[in-house]
Amino acid sequence: MLARSYSWALRSASRAMSTSAPKLFLVTAPDYSDSNALARRLAVRDSHLEEARKMKADGILQLGGAMLDDSGNMVGSTLLIATDSLESARELMERDYYYRHDVWDKARLSIVSFRRAL
């Protein structure tokens, strides 16, 4: 399904940003709610964070972190990313380890344009 590597998506987004002004996108990615969701998250968390660090270094990831439930358990992710288009933002998310390893609930993943006020 995802033939190209995540690193390719980062390079592609970086190239696109160099030719046009980057736009901000707010991503909310709730996790699946089944009993194995947290185990899947933890199994690929280190790889997910390694790629997130690359996105941060490339200026794509502006902010990112886990969404928590009332007990402090991780139940999803929120990210603020800078890239040239909604299509590029979606491509980046579809290449993420959490997306590919069924941590994020694909039907509830949301990407919207964002304008920083402060």
N, C-alpha and C. Protein backbone atom coordinates (compact mmCIF):
# COMPACT_ATOMS: atom_id res chain seq x y z
N MET A 1 0.82 -1.19 0.00
CA MET A 1 0.00 0.00 0.00
C MET A 1 0.86 1.25 0.00
N LEU A 2 1.86 1.29 0.87
CA LEU A 2 2.73 2.47 0.94
C LEU A 2 4.12 2.06 0.47
N ALA A 3 4.33 2.14 -0.83
CA ALA A 3 5.56 1.63 -1.42
C ALA A 3 6.77 2.50 -1.10
N ARG A 4 6.58 3.81 -1.01
CA ARG A 4 7.71 4.69 -0.77
C ARG A 4 7.96 4.86 0.72
N SER A 5 9.20 5.16 1.07
CA SER A 5 9.56 5.26 2.48
C SER A 5 9.09 6.56 3.10
N TYR A 6 9.03 6.56 4.41
CA TYR A 6 8.67 7.76 5.16
C TYR A 6 9.69 8.85 4.90
N SER A 7 10.97 8.48 4.81
CA SER A 7 12.01 9.47 4.53
C SER A 7 11.76 10.15 3.19
N TRP A 8 11.26 9.40 2.22
CA TRP A 8 10.93 10.01 0.93
C TRP A 8 9.88 11.09 1.12
N ALA A 9 8.87 10.82 1.93
CA ALA A 9 7.80 11.81 2.16
C ALA A 9 8.37 13.06 2.81
N LEU A 10 9.31 12.90 3.72
CA LEU A 10 9.93 14.06 4.36
C LEU A 10 10.70 14.88 3.33
N ARG A 11 11.47 14.21 2.48
CA ARG A 11 12.22 14.93 1.45
C ARG A 11 11.27 15.63 0.49
N SER A 12 10.20 14.95 0.12
CA SER A 12 9.22 15.53 -0.79
C SER A 12 8.57 16.77 -0.18
N ALA A 13 8.20 16.69 1.07
CA ALA A 13 7.58 17.83 1.74
C ALA A 13 8.57 18.98 1.87
N SER A 14 9.83 18.66 2.17
CA SER A 14 10.85 19.70 2.30
C SER A 14 11.07 20.41 0.97
N ARG A 15 11.12 19.64 -0.14
CA ARG A 15 11.29 20.24 -1.46
C ARG A 15 10.11 21.14 -1.80
N ALA A 16 8.91 20.66 -1.51
CA ALA A 16 7.71 21.44 -1.81
C ALA A 16 7.72 22.74 -1.03
N MET A 17 8.16 22.69 0.22
CA MET A 17 8.18 23.89 1.04
C MET A 17 9.20 24.89 0.53
N SER A 18 10.26 24.41 -0.11
CA SER A 18 11.29 25.33 -0.58
C SER A 18 10.83 26.11 -1.81
N THR A 19 9.79 25.62 -2.50
CA THR A 19 9.31 26.31 -3.70
C THR A 19 8.04 27.11 -3.45
N SER A 20 7.40 26.92 -2.32
CA SER A 20 6.20 27.68 -1.99
C SER A 20 6.16 27.92 -0.50
N ALA A 21 5.40 28.93 -0.11
CA ALA A 21 5.29 29.24 1.31
C ALA A 21 4.56 28.09 2.02
N PRO A 22 5.13 27.58 3.11
CA PRO A 22 4.47 26.48 3.81
C PRO A 22 3.18 26.96 4.48
N LYS A 23 2.24 26.07 4.57
CA LYS A 23 0.98 26.31 5.26
C LYS A 23 0.97 25.44 6.51
N LEU A 24 0.22 25.85 7.50
CA LEU A 24 0.11 25.07 8.72
C LEU A 24 -1.15 24.20 8.67
N PHE A 25 -1.01 22.99 9.20
CA PHE A 25 -2.13 22.06 9.29
C PHE A 25 -2.15 21.45 10.68
N LEU A 26 -3.34 21.43 11.28
CA LEU A 26 -3.54 20.81 12.58
C LEU A 26 -4.06 19.41 12.36
N VAL A 27 -3.37 18.44 12.92
CA VAL A 27 -3.74 17.04 12.77
C VAL A 27 -4.20 16.52 14.13
N THR A 28 -5.38 15.93 14.17
CA THR A 28 -5.81 15.18 15.34
C THR A 28 -6.01 13.74 14.89
N ALA A 29 -5.35 12.85 15.62
CA ALA A 29 -5.34 11.45 15.22
C ALA A 29 -5.66 10.58 16.43
N PRO A 30 -6.94 10.36 16.70
CA PRO A 30 -7.32 9.48 17.81
C PRO A 30 -6.85 8.05 17.53
N ASP A 31 -6.48 7.35 18.57
CA ASP A 31 -6.11 5.94 18.44
C ASP A 31 -7.38 5.10 18.30
N TYR A 32 -7.20 3.88 17.76
CA TYR A 32 -8.28 2.91 17.84
C TYR A 32 -8.55 2.65 19.31
N SER A 33 -9.73 2.19 19.64
CA SER A 33 -10.10 2.01 21.04
C SER A 33 -10.16 0.56 21.49
N ASP A 34 -9.69 -0.35 20.66
CA ASP A 34 -9.71 -1.77 21.04
C ASP A 34 -8.68 -2.05 22.13
N SER A 35 -8.76 -3.20 22.73
CA SER A 35 -7.91 -3.54 23.88
C SER A 35 -6.43 -3.67 23.53
N ASN A 36 -6.08 -3.81 22.25
CA ASN A 36 -4.68 -3.94 21.85
C ASN A 36 -4.07 -2.64 21.33
N ALA A 37 -4.85 -1.56 21.33
CA ALA A 37 -4.39 -0.29 20.74
C ALA A 37 -3.13 0.24 21.43
N LEU A 38 -3.12 0.26 22.75
CA LEU A 38 -1.96 0.78 23.46
C LEU A 38 -0.72 -0.07 23.20
N ALA A 39 -0.88 -1.38 23.15
CA ALA A 39 0.26 -2.27 22.87
C ALA A 39 0.82 -1.98 21.47
N ARG A 40 -0.04 -1.76 20.47
CA ARG A 40 0.44 -1.43 19.12
C ARG A 40 1.19 -0.10 19.15
N ARG A 41 0.66 0.89 19.87
CA ARG A 41 1.30 2.20 19.99
C ARG A 41 2.70 2.04 20.57
N LEU A 42 2.80 1.33 21.68
CA LEU A 42 4.09 1.19 22.36
C LEU A 42 5.10 0.40 21.53
N ALA A 43 4.61 -0.54 20.72
CA ALA A 43 5.50 -1.38 19.91
C ALA A 43 6.25 -0.57 18.85
N VAL A 44 5.64 0.52 18.34
CA VAL A 44 6.29 1.30 17.28
C VAL A 44 6.61 2.73 17.73
N ARG A 45 6.45 3.01 19.01
CA ARG A 45 6.62 4.38 19.50
C ARG A 45 8.02 4.93 19.23
N ASP A 46 9.05 4.15 19.49
CA ASP A 46 10.42 4.64 19.26
C ASP A 46 10.64 5.01 17.80
N SER A 47 10.16 4.19 16.88
CA SER A 47 10.29 4.49 15.44
C SER A 47 9.48 5.73 15.07
N HIS A 48 8.29 5.84 15.62
CA HIS A 48 7.45 7.02 15.37
C HIS A 48 8.16 8.28 15.84
N LEU A 49 8.73 8.24 17.04
CA LEU A 49 9.41 9.43 17.58
C LEU A 49 10.67 9.76 16.81
N GLU A 50 11.38 8.76 16.33
CA GLU A 50 12.58 9.00 15.52
C GLU A 50 12.22 9.76 14.25
N GLU A 51 11.16 9.34 13.58
CA GLU A 51 10.71 10.04 12.37
C GLU A 51 10.18 11.44 12.70
N ALA A 52 9.53 11.57 13.85
CA ALA A 52 9.03 12.89 14.27
C ALA A 52 10.20 13.85 14.49
N ARG A 53 11.28 13.35 15.06
CA ARG A 53 12.47 14.20 15.25
C ARG A 53 13.03 14.67 13.91
N LYS A 54 13.01 13.80 12.90
CA LYS A 54 13.47 14.19 11.56
C LYS A 54 12.56 15.28 10.99
N MET A 55 11.25 15.11 11.17
CA MET A 55 10.31 16.12 10.69
C MET A 55 10.53 17.45 11.40
N LYS A 56 10.82 17.40 12.68
CA LYS A 56 11.09 18.62 13.46
C LYS A 56 12.36 19.29 12.94
N ALA A 57 13.40 18.52 12.73
CA ALA A 57 14.67 19.07 12.23
C ALA A 57 14.52 19.68 10.84
N ASP A 58 13.63 19.12 10.03
CA ASP A 58 13.38 19.63 8.68
C ASP A 58 12.40 20.80 8.66
N GLY A 59 11.90 21.19 9.83
CA GLY A 59 10.99 22.32 9.90
C GLY A 59 9.55 21.99 9.54
N ILE A 60 9.23 20.73 9.42
CA ILE A 60 7.87 20.32 9.07
C ILE A 60 7.00 20.20 10.32
N LEU A 61 7.48 19.48 11.30
CA LEU A 61 6.73 19.32 12.54
C LEU A 61 6.98 20.53 13.43
N GLN A 62 5.93 21.26 13.72
CA GLN A 62 6.01 22.44 14.56
C GLN A 62 5.76 22.10 16.02
N LEU A 63 4.86 21.14 16.24
CA LEU A 63 4.45 20.74 17.58
C LEU A 63 3.81 19.37 17.47
N GLY A 64 4.05 18.54 18.44
CA GLY A 64 3.42 17.23 18.42
C GLY A 64 3.39 16.64 19.80
N GLY A 65 2.38 15.82 20.05
CA GLY A 65 2.28 15.16 21.34
C GLY A 65 1.09 14.23 21.41
N ALA A 66 1.03 13.53 22.53
CA ALA A 66 -0.05 12.56 22.73
C ALA A 66 -1.27 13.22 23.32
N MET A 67 -2.43 12.78 22.88
CA MET A 67 -3.69 13.13 23.52
C MET A 67 -3.88 12.15 24.67
N LEU A 68 -4.37 12.64 25.80
CA LEU A 68 -4.52 11.80 26.99
C LEU A 68 -5.97 11.72 27.43
N ASP A 69 -6.34 10.58 28.01
CA ASP A 69 -7.68 10.48 28.60
C ASP A 69 -7.61 11.00 30.04
N ASP A 70 -8.71 10.92 30.75
CA ASP A 70 -8.78 11.45 32.12
C ASP A 70 -7.83 10.75 33.08
N SER A 71 -7.39 9.55 32.73
CA SER A 71 -6.46 8.81 33.57
C SER A 71 -5.00 9.02 33.18
N GLY A 72 -4.78 9.83 32.14
CA GLY A 72 -3.41 10.09 31.69
C GLY A 72 -2.88 9.07 30.69
N ASN A 73 -3.74 8.21 30.17
CA ASN A 73 -3.33 7.23 29.16
C ASN A 73 -3.32 7.86 27.77
N MET A 74 -2.35 7.49 26.96
CA MET A 74 -2.27 7.99 25.59
C MET A 74 -3.41 7.39 24.76
N VAL A 75 -4.17 8.28 24.12
CA VAL A 75 -5.33 7.83 23.33
C VAL A 75 -5.35 8.44 21.93
N GLY A 76 -4.25 9.04 21.52
CA GLY A 76 -4.18 9.65 20.20
C GLY A 76 -3.04 10.63 20.13
N SER A 77 -2.96 11.35 19.02
CA SER A 77 -1.89 12.31 18.79
C SER A 77 -2.46 13.59 18.21
N THR A 78 -1.79 14.69 18.51
CA THR A 78 -2.09 15.98 17.90
C THR A 78 -0.78 16.54 17.37
N LEU A 79 -0.80 17.02 16.15
CA LEU A 79 0.40 17.57 15.52
C LEU A 79 0.07 18.87 14.82
N LEU A 80 1.03 19.75 14.77
CA LEU A 80 0.94 20.95 13.95
C LEU A 80 2.09 20.84 12.96
N ILE A 81 1.76 20.76 11.67
CA ILE A 81 2.78 20.56 10.66
C ILE A 81 2.74 21.69 9.62
N ALA A 82 3.90 21.96 9.05
CA ALA A 82 4.03 22.98 8.00
C ALA A 82 4.42 22.27 6.71
N THR A 83 3.58 22.40 5.71
CA THR A 83 3.86 21.83 4.40
C THR A 83 3.06 22.61 3.37
N ASP A 84 3.19 22.27 2.11
CA ASP A 84 2.62 23.10 1.05
C ASP A 84 1.14 22.89 0.79
N SER A 85 0.59 21.72 1.17
CA SER A 85 -0.80 21.45 0.80
C SER A 85 -1.42 20.42 1.74
N LEU A 86 -2.73 20.37 1.72
CA LEU A 86 -3.45 19.36 2.47
C LEU A 86 -3.05 17.97 1.99
N GLU A 87 -2.87 17.82 0.69
CA GLU A 87 -2.46 16.53 0.12
C GLU A 87 -1.11 16.09 0.69
N SER A 88 -0.17 17.00 0.77
CA SER A 88 1.15 16.69 1.33
C SER A 88 1.03 16.34 2.82
N ALA A 89 0.20 17.06 3.54
CA ALA A 89 -0.01 16.76 4.97
C ALA A 89 -0.58 15.36 5.14
N ARG A 90 -1.57 15.03 4.33
CA ARG A 90 -2.18 13.69 4.42
C ARG A 90 -1.15 12.62 4.08
N GLU A 91 -0.34 12.87 3.06
CA GLU A 91 0.68 11.90 2.67
C GLU A 91 1.66 11.65 3.82
N LEU A 92 2.08 12.71 4.47
CA LEU A 92 2.97 12.57 5.61
C LEU A 92 2.34 11.72 6.71
N MET A 93 1.09 11.96 7.00
CA MET A 93 0.41 11.20 8.05
C MET A 93 0.23 9.74 7.66
N GLU A 94 -0.05 9.48 6.40
CA GLU A 94 -0.24 8.10 5.96
C GLU A 94 1.06 7.31 5.98
N ARG A 95 2.19 7.97 6.03
CA ARG A 95 3.47 7.29 6.10
C ARG A 95 3.97 7.13 7.53
N ASP A 96 3.27 7.70 8.47
CA ASP A 96 3.68 7.62 9.86
C ASP A 96 3.54 6.18 10.38
N TYR A 97 4.43 5.82 11.27
CA TYR A 97 4.39 4.47 11.85
C TYR A 97 3.06 4.21 12.53
N TYR A 98 2.49 5.18 13.22
CA TYR A 98 1.22 4.97 13.91
C TYR A 98 0.09 4.72 12.91
N TYR A 99 0.12 5.38 11.80
CA TYR A 99 -0.89 5.16 10.76
C TYR A 99 -0.72 3.77 10.16
N ARG A 100 0.50 3.45 9.78
CA ARG A 100 0.76 2.18 9.08
C ARG A 100 0.58 0.96 9.97
N HIS A 101 0.74 1.13 11.28
CA HIS A 101 0.65 -0.01 12.21
C HIS A 101 -0.65 0.00 13.00
N ASP A 102 -1.67 0.63 12.45
CA ASP A 102 -3.02 0.61 13.01
C ASP A 102 -3.09 1.07 14.46
N VAL A 103 -2.35 2.13 14.76
CA VAL A 103 -2.48 2.79 16.06
C VAL A 103 -3.55 3.87 15.91
N TRP A 104 -3.38 4.75 14.92
CA TRP A 104 -4.36 5.81 14.67
C TRP A 104 -5.58 5.25 13.96
N ASP A 105 -6.74 5.68 14.40
CA ASP A 105 -8.00 5.31 13.78
C ASP A 105 -8.14 6.11 12.49
N LYS A 106 -7.93 5.47 11.38
CA LYS A 106 -7.90 6.14 10.08
C LYS A 106 -9.20 6.87 9.76
N ALA A 107 -10.32 6.34 10.22
CA ALA A 107 -11.62 6.97 9.93
C ALA A 107 -11.82 8.25 10.74
N ARG A 108 -11.11 8.40 11.84
CA ARG A 108 -11.29 9.59 12.69
C ARG A 108 -10.13 10.58 12.58
N LEU A 109 -9.10 10.27 11.81
CA LEU A 109 -7.98 11.18 11.62
C LEU A 109 -8.48 12.45 10.93
N SER A 110 -8.09 13.60 11.45
CA SER A 110 -8.56 14.87 10.91
C SER A 110 -7.36 15.78 10.62
N ILE A 111 -7.37 16.40 9.45
CA ILE A 111 -6.34 17.37 9.09
C ILE A 111 -7.06 18.62 8.60
N VAL A 112 -6.81 19.76 9.27
CA VAL A 112 -7.45 21.01 8.88
C VAL A 112 -6.41 22.10 8.76
N SER A 113 -6.67 23.07 7.90
CA SER A 113 -5.81 24.23 7.79
C SER A 113 -5.83 24.98 9.11
N PHE A 114 -4.70 25.58 9.44
CA PHE A 114 -4.55 26.24 10.73
C PHE A 114 -3.88 27.60 10.53
N ARG A 115 -4.39 28.60 11.20
CA ARG A 115 -3.75 29.92 11.18
C ARG A 115 -3.38 30.28 12.61
N ARG A 116 -2.10 30.50 12.82
CA ARG A 116 -1.60 30.86 14.14
C ARG A 116 -2.02 32.30 14.45
N ALA A 117 -2.58 32.52 15.64
CA ALA A 117 -2.98 33.86 16.06
C ALA A 117 -1.98 34.45 17.05
N LEU A 118 -1.39 33.64 17.86
CA LEU A 118 -0.44 34.11 18.87
C LEU A 118 0.85 33.34 18.77
